[in-house]
Amino acid sequence: MIPLVTICRALYTLHQTAAMQQDIDNNSRYRETVKVALNTMTRMVIDIAYAFNLDIGTFNIEILAPAIAHIVCCAQQHILTAEDFNDRKWLEDFDQLRKMLSYFNQRWVVAGELHHLNLLK
């Protein structure tokens, strides 16, 4: 899963940067390609989030890379900036991403607390 996470992070970085370029509006084909790429990446991350949330008990959250949380945040950012943000499906998808992030948040909070306890010893 780590190589996939790295690829997703790179693709999000590339296409989000491209989407923010000022001259993107002057080239409709380029703009549409960037939009399709971001939509596709976001849909992939959303599908992973749905599967993760359904089977959370089967995942060893301790071995999942923090970069996974980053791509989930990228997917959320894309939804928030989407033209059709208020679409019911986007809102449901956003909630699934939020739920996945909450699992990661629990994991990293516990890790931080354990690290702090080890420092006190």
N, C-alpha and C. Protein backbone atom coordinates (compact mmCIF):
# COMPACT_ATOMS: atom_id res chain seq x y z
N MET A 1 0.82 -1.19 0.00
CA MET A 1 0.00 0.00 0.00
C MET A 1 0.87 1.26 0.00
N ILE A 2 2.08 1.19 0.52
CA ILE A 2 2.94 2.37 0.60
C ILE A 2 3.23 2.94 -0.79
N PRO A 3 3.60 2.12 -1.81
CA PRO A 3 3.85 2.72 -3.13
C PRO A 3 2.61 3.43 -3.67
N LEU A 4 1.43 2.87 -3.45
CA LEU A 4 0.20 3.50 -3.90
C LEU A 4 0.00 4.84 -3.21
N VAL A 5 0.29 4.90 -1.93
CA VAL A 5 0.16 6.14 -1.17
C VAL A 5 1.09 7.21 -1.73
N THR A 6 2.31 6.82 -2.02
CA THR A 6 3.29 7.76 -2.57
C THR A 6 2.84 8.28 -3.93
N ILE A 7 2.33 7.40 -4.76
CA ILE A 7 1.84 7.80 -6.08
C ILE A 7 0.66 8.76 -5.93
N CYS A 8 -0.26 8.43 -5.04
CA CYS A 8 -1.42 9.31 -4.82
C CYS A 8 -1.00 10.68 -4.33
N ARG A 9 -0.08 10.73 -3.39
CA ARG A 9 0.40 12.02 -2.89
C ARG A 9 1.02 12.84 -4.02
N ALA A 10 1.83 12.18 -4.84
CA ALA A 10 2.49 12.88 -5.94
C ALA A 10 1.46 13.38 -6.95
N LEU A 11 0.49 12.56 -7.29
CA LEU A 11 -0.52 12.98 -8.26
C LEU A 11 -1.38 14.12 -7.73
N TYR A 12 -1.75 14.04 -6.45
CA TYR A 12 -2.50 15.15 -5.85
C TYR A 12 -1.69 16.44 -5.88
N THR A 13 -0.43 16.35 -5.48
CA THR A 13 0.43 17.54 -5.47
C THR A 13 0.54 18.13 -6.87
N LEU A 14 0.78 17.30 -7.84
CA LEU A 14 0.92 17.75 -9.23
C LEU A 14 -0.35 18.41 -9.74
N HIS A 15 -1.48 17.74 -9.57
CA HIS A 15 -2.72 18.25 -10.16
C HIS A 15 -3.34 19.39 -9.35
N GLN A 16 -3.16 19.40 -8.04
CA GLN A 16 -3.65 20.54 -7.27
C GLN A 16 -2.85 21.80 -7.60
N THR A 17 -1.56 21.62 -7.81
CA THR A 17 -0.72 22.76 -8.21
C THR A 17 -1.14 23.25 -9.59
N ALA A 18 -1.37 22.32 -10.49
CA ALA A 18 -1.80 22.70 -11.84
C ALA A 18 -3.16 23.40 -11.81
N ALA A 19 -4.06 22.95 -10.95
CA ALA A 19 -5.39 23.55 -10.87
C ALA A 19 -5.34 24.99 -10.36
N MET A 20 -4.31 25.33 -9.63
CA MET A 20 -4.19 26.68 -9.08
C MET A 20 -3.47 27.65 -10.01
N GLN A 21 -2.96 27.16 -11.13
CA GLN A 21 -2.26 28.03 -12.07
C GLN A 21 -3.23 29.03 -12.67
N GLN A 22 -2.81 30.26 -12.78
CA GLN A 22 -3.69 31.33 -13.28
C GLN A 22 -4.11 31.14 -14.72
N ASP A 23 -3.24 30.56 -15.53
CA ASP A 23 -3.56 30.44 -16.95
C ASP A 23 -4.35 29.19 -17.28
N ILE A 24 -4.75 28.42 -16.28
CA ILE A 24 -5.49 27.18 -16.56
C ILE A 24 -6.85 27.48 -17.20
N ASP A 25 -7.44 28.61 -16.85
CA ASP A 25 -8.74 28.95 -17.42
C ASP A 25 -8.66 29.27 -18.91
N ASN A 26 -7.49 29.58 -19.40
CA ASN A 26 -7.31 29.89 -20.82
C ASN A 26 -7.23 28.65 -21.69
N ASN A 27 -7.07 27.49 -21.08
CA ASN A 27 -6.93 26.26 -21.84
C ASN A 27 -7.96 25.25 -21.30
N SER A 28 -9.09 25.18 -21.96
CA SER A 28 -10.19 24.34 -21.46
C SER A 28 -9.83 22.85 -21.46
N ARG A 29 -9.05 22.42 -22.43
CA ARG A 29 -8.67 21.00 -22.47
C ARG A 29 -7.76 20.65 -21.28
N TYR A 30 -6.81 21.51 -21.00
CA TYR A 30 -5.90 21.32 -19.86
C TYR A 30 -6.68 21.35 -18.55
N ARG A 31 -7.59 22.33 -18.42
CA ARG A 31 -8.40 22.47 -17.21
C ARG A 31 -9.24 21.21 -17.00
N GLU A 32 -9.85 20.70 -18.07
CA GLU A 32 -10.68 19.50 -17.96
C GLU A 32 -9.85 18.27 -17.60
N THR A 33 -8.65 18.16 -18.15
CA THR A 33 -7.76 17.03 -17.83
C THR A 33 -7.39 17.04 -16.35
N VAL A 34 -7.07 18.21 -15.82
CA VAL A 34 -6.72 18.34 -14.40
C VAL A 34 -7.92 17.99 -13.53
N LYS A 35 -9.08 18.47 -13.93
CA LYS A 35 -10.31 18.20 -13.16
C LYS A 35 -10.62 16.70 -13.14
N VAL A 36 -10.51 16.05 -14.29
CA VAL A 36 -10.77 14.61 -14.37
C VAL A 36 -9.76 13.83 -13.52
N ALA A 37 -8.51 14.24 -13.57
CA ALA A 37 -7.48 13.56 -12.77
C ALA A 37 -7.78 13.70 -11.27
N LEU A 38 -8.11 14.90 -10.83
CA LEU A 38 -8.43 15.11 -9.41
C LEU A 38 -9.69 14.36 -9.00
N ASN A 39 -10.70 14.35 -9.86
CA ASN A 39 -11.92 13.60 -9.56
C ASN A 39 -11.64 12.10 -9.45
N THR A 40 -10.81 11.59 -10.35
CA THR A 40 -10.47 10.17 -10.33
C THR A 40 -9.69 9.80 -9.08
N MET A 41 -8.68 10.60 -8.75
CA MET A 41 -7.90 10.35 -7.54
C MET A 41 -8.80 10.40 -6.30
N THR A 42 -9.66 11.38 -6.26
CA THR A 42 -10.55 11.54 -5.11
C THR A 42 -11.49 10.35 -5.00
N ARG A 43 -12.02 9.90 -6.12
CA ARG A 43 -12.92 8.73 -6.09
C ARG A 43 -12.16 7.50 -5.60
N MET A 44 -10.91 7.32 -6.01
CA MET A 44 -10.12 6.18 -5.53
C MET A 44 -9.96 6.24 -4.01
N VAL A 45 -9.62 7.40 -3.50
CA VAL A 45 -9.42 7.56 -2.05
C VAL A 45 -10.74 7.34 -1.31
N ILE A 46 -11.83 7.83 -1.88
CA ILE A 46 -13.14 7.63 -1.26
C ILE A 46 -13.48 6.14 -1.21
N ASP A 47 -13.22 5.42 -2.30
CA ASP A 47 -13.48 3.98 -2.32
C ASP A 47 -12.67 3.26 -1.26
N ILE A 48 -11.42 3.67 -1.09
CA ILE A 48 -10.57 3.09 -0.06
C ILE A 48 -11.15 3.40 1.33
N ALA A 49 -11.63 4.63 1.51
CA ALA A 49 -12.20 5.02 2.81
C ALA A 49 -13.43 4.19 3.14
N TYR A 50 -14.32 3.98 2.17
CA TYR A 50 -15.50 3.16 2.41
C TYR A 50 -15.10 1.74 2.83
N ALA A 51 -14.15 1.15 2.11
CA ALA A 51 -13.70 -0.20 2.44
C ALA A 51 -13.04 -0.24 3.81
N PHE A 52 -12.21 0.74 4.08
CA PHE A 52 -11.52 0.83 5.37
C PHE A 52 -12.53 0.93 6.51
N ASN A 53 -13.52 1.80 6.36
CA ASN A 53 -14.50 2.01 7.42
C ASN A 53 -15.37 0.78 7.65
N LEU A 54 -15.63 0.01 6.59
CA LEU A 54 -16.41 -1.21 6.75
C LEU A 54 -15.65 -2.31 7.47
N ASP A 55 -14.34 -2.36 7.24
CA ASP A 55 -13.53 -3.46 7.77
C ASP A 55 -12.45 -2.98 8.72
N ILE A 56 -12.70 -1.94 9.48
CA ILE A 56 -11.69 -1.37 10.36
C ILE A 56 -11.10 -2.41 11.30
N GLY A 57 -11.89 -3.36 11.70
CA GLY A 57 -11.41 -4.39 12.62
C GLY A 57 -10.34 -5.30 12.04
N THR A 58 -10.24 -5.33 10.72
CA THR A 58 -9.26 -6.22 10.08
C THR A 58 -7.94 -5.52 9.77
N PHE A 59 -7.88 -4.20 9.97
CA PHE A 59 -6.67 -3.45 9.68
C PHE A 59 -5.84 -3.26 10.94
N ASN A 60 -4.54 -3.43 10.81
CA ASN A 60 -3.64 -3.10 11.91
C ASN A 60 -3.24 -1.65 11.70
N ILE A 61 -3.95 -0.77 12.37
CA ILE A 61 -3.74 0.66 12.16
C ILE A 61 -2.33 1.11 12.53
N GLU A 62 -1.67 0.33 13.35
CA GLU A 62 -0.31 0.67 13.78
C GLU A 62 0.70 0.64 12.62
N ILE A 63 0.40 -0.13 11.59
CA ILE A 63 1.37 -0.24 10.49
C ILE A 63 1.00 0.63 9.28
N LEU A 64 -0.13 1.34 9.37
CA LEU A 64 -0.51 2.20 8.25
C LEU A 64 0.29 3.50 8.29
N ALA A 65 0.74 3.91 7.14
CA ALA A 65 1.59 5.09 7.03
C ALA A 65 0.80 6.37 7.26
N PRO A 66 1.42 7.35 7.90
CA PRO A 66 0.75 8.64 8.09
C PRO A 66 0.39 9.32 6.77
N ALA A 67 1.08 8.96 5.72
CA ALA A 67 0.79 9.56 4.41
C ALA A 67 -0.62 9.22 3.94
N ILE A 68 -1.18 8.14 4.42
CA ILE A 68 -2.56 7.80 4.06
C ILE A 68 -3.50 8.90 4.53
N ALA A 69 -3.28 9.38 5.74
CA ALA A 69 -4.11 10.47 6.26
C ALA A 69 -3.95 11.71 5.37
N HIS A 70 -2.77 11.93 4.83
CA HIS A 70 -2.54 13.09 3.96
C HIS A 70 -3.38 13.00 2.69
N ILE A 71 -3.41 11.84 2.05
CA ILE A 71 -4.19 11.73 0.81
C ILE A 71 -5.69 11.82 1.10
N VAL A 72 -6.10 11.39 2.30
CA VAL A 72 -7.51 11.55 2.68
C VAL A 72 -7.83 13.04 2.81
N CYS A 73 -6.92 13.79 3.40
CA CYS A 73 -7.10 15.25 3.50
C CYS A 73 -7.12 15.90 2.12
N CYS A 74 -6.30 15.42 1.21
CA CYS A 74 -6.31 15.94 -0.16
C CYS A 74 -7.67 15.68 -0.82
N ALA A 75 -8.22 14.50 -0.60
CA ALA A 75 -9.54 14.18 -1.16
C ALA A 75 -10.60 15.11 -0.56
N GLN A 76 -10.52 15.35 0.74
CA GLN A 76 -11.47 16.26 1.37
C GLN A 76 -11.33 17.67 0.79
N GLN A 77 -10.10 18.11 0.59
CA GLN A 77 -9.87 19.44 0.02
C GLN A 77 -10.48 19.54 -1.37
N HIS A 78 -10.32 18.48 -2.15
CA HIS A 78 -10.89 18.50 -3.50
C HIS A 78 -12.41 18.60 -3.45
N ILE A 79 -13.03 17.85 -2.55
CA ILE A 79 -14.49 17.91 -2.41
C ILE A 79 -14.92 19.31 -2.01
N LEU A 80 -14.20 19.90 -1.06
CA LEU A 80 -14.56 21.24 -0.59
C LEU A 80 -14.47 22.30 -1.69
N THR A 81 -13.57 22.09 -2.64
CA THR A 81 -13.40 23.06 -3.70
C THR A 81 -14.15 22.69 -4.98
N ALA A 82 -14.87 21.58 -4.94
CA ALA A 82 -15.62 21.14 -6.12
C ALA A 82 -16.78 22.09 -6.40
N GLU A 83 -17.08 22.24 -7.66
CA GLU A 83 -18.19 23.11 -8.06
C GLU A 83 -19.52 22.61 -7.52
N ASP A 84 -19.67 21.32 -7.41
CA ASP A 84 -20.92 20.72 -6.94
C ASP A 84 -20.79 20.20 -5.50
N PHE A 85 -20.13 20.97 -4.66
CA PHE A 85 -19.85 20.56 -3.28
C PHE A 85 -21.11 20.14 -2.53
N ASN A 86 -22.21 20.80 -2.72
CA ASN A 86 -23.42 20.50 -1.96
C ASN A 86 -24.18 19.27 -2.46
N ASP A 87 -23.63 18.58 -3.42
CA ASP A 87 -24.22 17.34 -3.90
C ASP A 87 -24.28 16.33 -2.75
N ARG A 88 -25.41 15.66 -2.60
CA ARG A 88 -25.61 14.71 -1.50
C ARG A 88 -24.51 13.63 -1.46
N LYS A 89 -24.15 13.12 -2.62
CA LYS A 89 -23.13 12.06 -2.67
C LYS A 89 -21.78 12.58 -2.19
N TRP A 90 -21.39 13.78 -2.61
CA TRP A 90 -20.12 14.36 -2.15
C TRP A 90 -20.13 14.48 -0.63
N LEU A 91 -21.26 14.90 -0.08
CA LEU A 91 -21.34 15.08 1.37
C LEU A 91 -21.22 13.74 2.10
N GLU A 92 -21.84 12.68 1.56
CA GLU A 92 -21.70 11.35 2.14
C GLU A 92 -20.24 10.88 2.04
N ASP A 93 -19.65 11.11 0.90
CA ASP A 93 -18.25 10.72 0.70
C ASP A 93 -17.33 11.47 1.67
N PHE A 94 -17.59 12.76 1.81
CA PHE A 94 -16.80 13.58 2.73
C PHE A 94 -16.89 13.02 4.15
N ASP A 95 -18.07 12.58 4.53
CA ASP A 95 -18.26 12.01 5.86
C ASP A 95 -17.46 10.72 6.04
N GLN A 96 -17.39 9.89 4.99
CA GLN A 96 -16.59 8.67 5.05
C GLN A 96 -15.10 8.99 5.21
N LEU A 97 -14.66 10.02 4.52
CA LEU A 97 -13.26 10.44 4.66
C LEU A 97 -13.00 10.96 6.08
N ARG A 98 -13.95 11.72 6.61
CA ARG A 98 -13.82 12.23 7.98
C ARG A 98 -13.75 11.08 8.98
N LYS A 99 -14.58 10.07 8.76
CA LYS A 99 -14.58 8.91 9.64
C LYS A 99 -13.22 8.18 9.60
N MET A 100 -12.68 8.03 8.42
CA MET A 100 -11.37 7.38 8.29
C MET A 100 -10.30 8.19 9.01
N LEU A 101 -10.35 9.51 8.84
CA LEU A 101 -9.38 10.37 9.53
C LEU A 101 -9.51 10.28 11.04
N SER A 102 -10.70 10.07 11.53
CA SER A 102 -10.88 9.97 12.98
C SER A 102 -10.16 8.74 13.53
N TYR A 103 -10.13 7.65 12.76
CA TYR A 103 -9.37 6.47 13.19
C TYR A 103 -7.87 6.79 13.26
N PHE A 104 -7.39 7.51 12.24
CA PHE A 104 -5.98 7.89 12.23
C PHE A 104 -5.67 8.84 13.37
N ASN A 105 -6.58 9.75 13.64
CA ASN A 105 -6.39 10.69 14.73
C ASN A 105 -6.25 9.95 16.06
N GLN A 106 -7.09 8.96 16.28
CA GLN A 106 -6.99 8.17 17.51
C GLN A 106 -5.64 7.48 17.60
N ARG A 107 -5.20 6.94 16.49
CA ARG A 107 -3.92 6.22 16.47
C ARG A 107 -2.77 7.15 16.81
N TRP A 108 -2.74 8.34 16.21
CA TRP A 108 -1.63 9.24 16.44
C TRP A 108 -1.70 9.91 17.80
N VAL A 109 -2.89 10.12 18.33
CA VAL A 109 -3.02 10.66 19.69
C VAL A 109 -2.45 9.66 20.69
N VAL A 110 -2.81 8.40 20.52
CA VAL A 110 -2.29 7.35 21.41
C VAL A 110 -0.78 7.26 21.27
N ALA A 111 -0.26 7.32 20.05
CA ALA A 111 1.19 7.25 19.84
C ALA A 111 1.88 8.42 20.53
N GLY A 112 1.28 9.60 20.43
CA GLY A 112 1.87 10.77 21.08
C GLY A 112 1.87 10.64 22.59
N GLU A 113 0.78 10.09 23.14
CA GLU A 113 0.71 9.90 24.58
C GLU A 113 1.74 8.87 25.06
N LEU A 114 1.90 7.79 24.29
CA LEU A 114 2.90 6.78 24.65
C LEU A 114 4.30 7.36 24.57
N HIS A 115 4.56 8.16 23.54
CA HIS A 115 5.87 8.79 23.41
C HIS A 115 6.14 9.71 24.61
N HIS A 116 5.14 10.48 24.99
CA HIS A 116 5.27 11.38 26.13
C HIS A 116 5.56 10.58 27.41
N LEU A 117 4.86 9.47 27.59
CA LEU A 117 5.08 8.63 28.78
C LEU A 117 6.49 8.06 28.78
N ASN A 118 7.00 7.68 27.62
CA ASN A 118 8.36 7.15 27.55
C ASN A 118 9.39 8.22 27.88
N LEU A 119 9.08 9.47 27.53
CA LEU A 119 10.01 10.57 27.87
C LEU A 119 10.06 10.82 29.37
N LEU A 120 8.95 10.54 30.06
CA LEU A 120 8.91 10.78 31.50
C LEU A 120 9.68 9.72 32.30
N LYS A 121 9.93 8.59 31.70
CA LYS A 121 10.63 7.50 32.41
C LYS A 121 12.08 7.81 32.64
